[in-house]
């Protein structure tokens, strides 16, 4: 009978230790997940900022190109369609 009691007590203590270890592991994983979430959020903000900067750069490029065409006397009008008369 004492052997069964000792075995059961040992099993309970092992389960308590395993539960404590699992709790510590969960806390560590939550911390790592929070860090990962922050990193992903920073990357998302960085990508959005990069998209905005690229759009701004394209707008500036298009305006510079338009100015250069205007300086050289080109107009923004569409070319005339070819005549149907031959």
N, C-alpha and C. Protein backbone atom coordinates (compact mmCIF):
# COMPACT_ATOMS: atom_id res chain seq x y z
N UNK A 1 0.82 -1.20 0.00
CA UNK A 1 0.00 0.00 0.00
C UNK A 1 0.86 1.26 0.00
N UNK A 2 1.94 1.23 0.79
CA UNK A 2 2.83 2.39 0.82
C UNK A 2 3.50 2.60 -0.55
N UNK A 3 3.73 1.55 -1.23
CA UNK A 3 4.35 1.65 -2.56
C UNK A 3 3.42 2.36 -3.53
N UNK A 4 2.14 2.04 -3.47
CA UNK A 4 1.16 2.70 -4.33
C UNK A 4 1.03 4.18 -3.95
N UNK A 5 1.02 4.46 -2.65
CA UNK A 5 0.93 5.85 -2.20
C UNK A 5 2.15 6.63 -2.66
N UNK A 6 3.33 6.05 -2.49
CA UNK A 6 4.57 6.69 -2.91
C UNK A 6 4.55 6.93 -4.43
N UNK A 7 4.10 5.96 -5.18
CA UNK A 7 4.05 6.08 -6.63
C UNK A 7 3.08 7.19 -7.04
N UNK A 8 1.91 7.24 -6.38
CA UNK A 8 0.92 8.27 -6.71
C UNK A 8 1.45 9.65 -6.33
N UNK A 9 2.09 9.77 -5.16
CA UNK A 9 2.63 11.06 -4.72
C UNK A 9 3.72 11.52 -5.68
N UNK A 10 4.58 10.61 -6.09
CA UNK A 10 5.64 10.93 -7.03
C UNK A 10 5.05 11.41 -8.35
N UNK A 11 4.00 10.74 -8.81
CA UNK A 11 3.35 11.12 -10.07
C UNK A 11 2.73 12.51 -9.95
N UNK A 12 2.11 12.82 -8.80
CA UNK A 12 1.51 14.15 -8.59
C UNK A 12 2.59 15.21 -8.61
N UNK A 13 3.71 14.98 -7.93
CA UNK A 13 4.80 15.95 -7.92
C UNK A 13 5.38 16.16 -9.32
N UNK A 14 5.51 15.09 -10.09
CA UNK A 14 6.00 15.21 -11.46
C UNK A 14 5.03 16.02 -12.31
N UNK A 15 3.72 15.80 -12.10
CA UNK A 15 2.71 16.57 -12.84
C UNK A 15 2.75 18.04 -12.44
N UNK A 16 2.96 18.32 -11.14
CA UNK A 16 3.06 19.70 -10.68
C UNK A 16 4.26 20.38 -11.34
N UNK A 17 5.40 19.69 -11.37
CA UNK A 17 6.59 20.24 -12.01
C UNK A 17 6.36 20.46 -13.51
N UNK A 18 5.73 19.49 -14.16
CA UNK A 18 5.46 19.62 -15.60
C UNK A 18 4.52 20.79 -15.86
N UNK A 19 3.51 20.95 -15.00
CA UNK A 19 2.56 22.05 -15.15
C UNK A 19 3.26 23.39 -14.97
N UNK A 20 4.13 23.46 -13.97
CA UNK A 20 4.89 24.70 -13.74
C UNK A 20 5.77 25.00 -14.95
N UNK A 21 6.43 24.00 -15.48
CA UNK A 21 7.29 24.18 -16.64
C UNK A 21 6.47 24.62 -17.85
N UNK A 22 5.30 24.01 -18.02
CA UNK A 22 4.42 24.41 -19.13
C UNK A 22 4.00 25.87 -18.99
N UNK A 23 3.70 26.28 -17.77
CA UNK A 23 3.32 27.69 -17.53
C UNK A 23 4.46 28.62 -17.90
N UNK A 24 5.68 28.26 -17.50
CA UNK A 24 6.85 29.08 -17.85
C UNK A 24 7.06 29.12 -19.36
N UNK A 25 6.89 27.98 -20.00
CA UNK A 25 7.04 27.92 -21.46
C UNK A 25 5.99 28.78 -22.15
N UNK A 26 4.78 28.74 -21.64
CA UNK A 26 3.70 29.55 -22.23
C UNK A 26 4.02 31.03 -22.10
N UNK A 27 4.52 31.46 -20.93
CA UNK A 27 4.89 32.86 -20.74
C UNK A 27 5.99 33.26 -21.73
N UNK A 28 6.97 32.38 -21.90
CA UNK A 28 8.06 32.66 -22.84
C UNK A 28 7.53 32.77 -24.27
N UNK A 29 6.65 31.85 -24.65
CA UNK A 29 6.08 31.88 -26.00
C UNK A 29 5.23 33.12 -26.22
N UNK A 30 4.49 33.52 -25.20
CA UNK A 30 3.68 34.76 -25.33
C UNK A 30 4.59 35.96 -25.53
N UNK A 31 5.69 35.99 -24.80
CA UNK A 31 6.64 37.10 -24.94
C UNK A 31 7.23 37.11 -26.35
N UNK A 32 7.61 35.95 -26.85
CA UNK A 32 8.15 35.86 -28.20
C UNK A 32 7.10 36.25 -29.24
N UNK A 33 5.86 35.84 -29.00
CA UNK A 33 4.77 36.19 -29.92
C UNK A 33 4.54 37.70 -29.93
N UNK A 34 4.59 38.32 -28.75
CA UNK A 34 4.44 39.78 -28.69
C UNK A 34 5.56 40.48 -29.46
N UNK A 35 6.78 39.98 -29.31
CA UNK A 35 7.91 40.56 -30.04
C UNK A 35 7.72 40.38 -31.54
N UNK A 36 7.29 39.21 -31.94
CA UNK A 36 7.04 38.95 -33.36
C UNK A 36 5.93 39.85 -33.90
N UNK A 37 4.87 40.02 -33.13
CA UNK A 37 3.75 40.88 -33.55
C UNK A 37 4.24 42.32 -33.71
N UNK A 38 5.07 42.79 -32.79
CA UNK A 38 5.62 44.14 -32.90
C UNK A 38 6.48 44.29 -34.15
N UNK A 39 7.28 43.27 -34.43
CA UNK A 39 8.13 43.29 -35.61
C UNK A 39 7.30 43.33 -36.89
N UNK A 40 6.26 42.51 -36.94
CA UNK A 40 5.39 42.50 -38.12
C UNK A 40 4.69 43.84 -38.29
N UNK A 41 4.25 44.43 -37.19
CA UNK A 41 3.59 45.74 -37.25
C UNK A 41 4.57 46.81 -37.75
N UNK A 42 5.81 46.77 -37.26
CA UNK A 42 6.82 47.72 -37.73
C UNK A 42 7.10 47.53 -39.21
N UNK A 43 7.15 46.29 -39.66
CA UNK A 43 7.35 46.02 -41.09
C UNK A 43 6.19 46.55 -41.92
N UNK A 44 4.97 46.37 -41.42
CA UNK A 44 3.80 46.87 -42.15
C UNK A 44 3.84 48.39 -42.25
N UNK A 45 4.19 49.07 -41.15
CA UNK A 45 4.31 50.52 -41.20
C UNK A 45 5.41 50.95 -42.17
N UNK A 46 6.53 50.22 -42.13
CA UNK A 46 7.63 50.54 -43.04
C UNK A 46 7.23 50.37 -44.49
N UNK A 47 6.51 49.29 -44.79
CA UNK A 47 6.05 49.08 -46.18
C UNK A 47 5.09 50.16 -46.62
N UNK A 48 4.19 50.57 -45.73
CA UNK A 48 3.25 51.63 -46.09
C UNK A 48 3.99 52.94 -46.34
N UNK A 49 4.95 53.25 -45.49
CA UNK A 49 5.75 54.46 -45.68
C UNK A 49 6.52 54.39 -47.00
N UNK A 50 7.06 53.22 -47.32
CA UNK A 50 7.78 53.04 -48.58
C UNK A 50 6.85 53.22 -49.78
N UNK A 51 5.63 52.66 -49.68
CA UNK A 51 4.65 52.84 -50.77
C UNK A 51 4.33 54.32 -50.97
N UNK A 52 4.13 55.03 -49.84
CA UNK A 52 3.81 56.46 -49.93
C UNK A 52 4.97 57.24 -50.55
N UNK A 53 6.20 56.92 -50.13
CA UNK A 53 7.37 57.60 -50.68
C UNK A 53 7.51 57.31 -52.17
N UNK A 54 7.26 56.07 -52.58
CA UNK A 54 7.37 55.72 -53.99
C UNK A 54 6.31 56.45 -54.81
N UNK A 55 5.10 56.55 -54.29
CA UNK A 55 4.05 57.27 -55.00
C UNK A 55 4.43 58.74 -55.14
N UNK A 56 4.97 59.30 -54.07
CA UNK A 56 5.41 60.69 -54.11
C UNK A 56 6.54 60.87 -55.12
N UNK A 57 7.50 59.95 -55.13
CA UNK A 57 8.60 60.02 -56.09
C UNK A 57 8.10 59.90 -57.53
N UNK A 58 7.12 59.02 -57.77
CA UNK A 58 6.56 58.89 -59.12
C UNK A 58 5.87 60.19 -59.54
N UNK A 59 5.16 60.80 -58.61
CA UNK A 59 4.48 62.06 -58.92
C UNK A 59 5.49 63.14 -59.27
N UNK A 60 6.56 63.24 -58.51
CA UNK A 60 7.60 64.22 -58.79
C UNK A 60 8.25 63.93 -60.15
N UNK A 61 8.54 62.66 -60.41
CA UNK A 61 9.14 62.28 -61.70
C UNK A 61 8.22 62.67 -62.86
N UNK A 62 6.93 62.37 -62.73
CA UNK A 62 5.98 62.70 -63.80
C UNK A 62 5.91 64.21 -64.02
N UNK A 63 5.94 64.99 -62.93
CA UNK A 63 5.89 66.44 -63.07
C UNK A 63 7.17 66.96 -63.72
N UNK A 64 8.31 66.42 -63.35
CA UNK A 64 9.57 66.84 -63.98
C UNK A 64 9.57 66.49 -65.47
N UNK A 65 9.07 65.29 -65.79
CA UNK A 65 9.00 64.87 -67.19
C UNK A 65 8.07 65.78 -67.98
N UNK A 66 6.92 66.10 -67.40
CA UNK A 66 5.97 66.99 -68.06
C UNK A 66 6.60 68.37 -68.27
N UNK A 67 7.30 68.87 -67.27
CA UNK A 67 7.97 70.18 -67.40
C UNK A 67 9.00 70.15 -68.52
N UNK A 68 9.76 69.07 -68.61
CA UNK A 68 10.77 68.97 -69.65
C UNK A 68 10.13 68.94 -71.04
N UNK A 69 9.03 68.20 -71.18
CA UNK A 69 8.32 68.19 -72.46
C UNK A 69 7.81 69.58 -72.81
N UNK A 70 7.27 70.28 -71.82
CA UNK A 70 6.73 71.62 -72.08
C UNK A 70 7.86 72.59 -72.44
N UNK A 71 9.02 72.47 -71.79
CA UNK A 71 10.16 73.33 -72.13
C UNK A 71 10.60 73.12 -73.57
N UNK A 72 10.48 71.90 -74.05
CA UNK A 72 10.92 71.59 -75.41
C UNK A 72 9.82 71.82 -76.45
N UNK A 73 8.67 72.29 -76.00
CA UNK A 73 7.62 72.66 -76.94
C UNK A 73 6.63 71.57 -77.26
N UNK A 74 6.71 70.46 -76.58
CA UNK A 74 5.73 69.39 -76.81
C UNK A 74 4.47 69.71 -76.03
N UNK A 75 3.33 69.30 -76.62
CA UNK A 75 2.07 69.49 -75.91
C UNK A 75 1.57 68.15 -75.41
N UNK A 76 0.66 68.21 -74.48
CA UNK A 76 0.13 66.99 -73.89
C UNK A 76 -1.06 66.45 -74.68
N UNK A 77 -1.38 67.08 -75.81
CA UNK A 77 -2.53 66.61 -76.57
C UNK A 77 -2.21 65.28 -77.25
N UNK A 78 -3.24 64.52 -77.47
CA UNK A 78 -3.10 63.21 -78.10
C UNK A 78 -2.78 63.40 -79.58
N UNK A 79 -2.04 62.50 -80.18
CA UNK A 79 -1.76 62.62 -81.62
C UNK A 79 -3.04 62.47 -82.43
N UNK A 80 -3.02 63.11 -83.57
CA UNK A 80 -4.21 63.04 -84.45
C UNK A 80 -4.32 61.64 -85.03
N UNK A 81 -5.54 61.11 -85.10
CA UNK A 81 -5.68 59.78 -85.70
C UNK A 81 -5.39 59.84 -87.19
N UNK A 82 -4.91 58.75 -87.77
CA UNK A 82 -4.61 58.75 -89.21
C UNK A 82 -5.89 58.97 -90.01
N UNK A 83 -5.71 59.61 -91.11
CA UNK A 83 -6.84 59.91 -91.96
C UNK A 83 -7.35 58.63 -92.64
N UNK A 84 -8.67 58.55 -92.79
CA UNK A 84 -9.26 57.38 -93.44
C UNK A 84 -9.25 57.56 -94.96
N UNK A 85 -8.95 58.77 -95.42
CA UNK A 85 -8.92 59.01 -96.86
C UNK A 85 -7.58 58.60 -97.41
N UNK A 86 -7.57 57.93 -98.52
CA UNK A 86 -6.31 57.54 -99.17
C UNK A 86 -6.23 58.13 -100.52
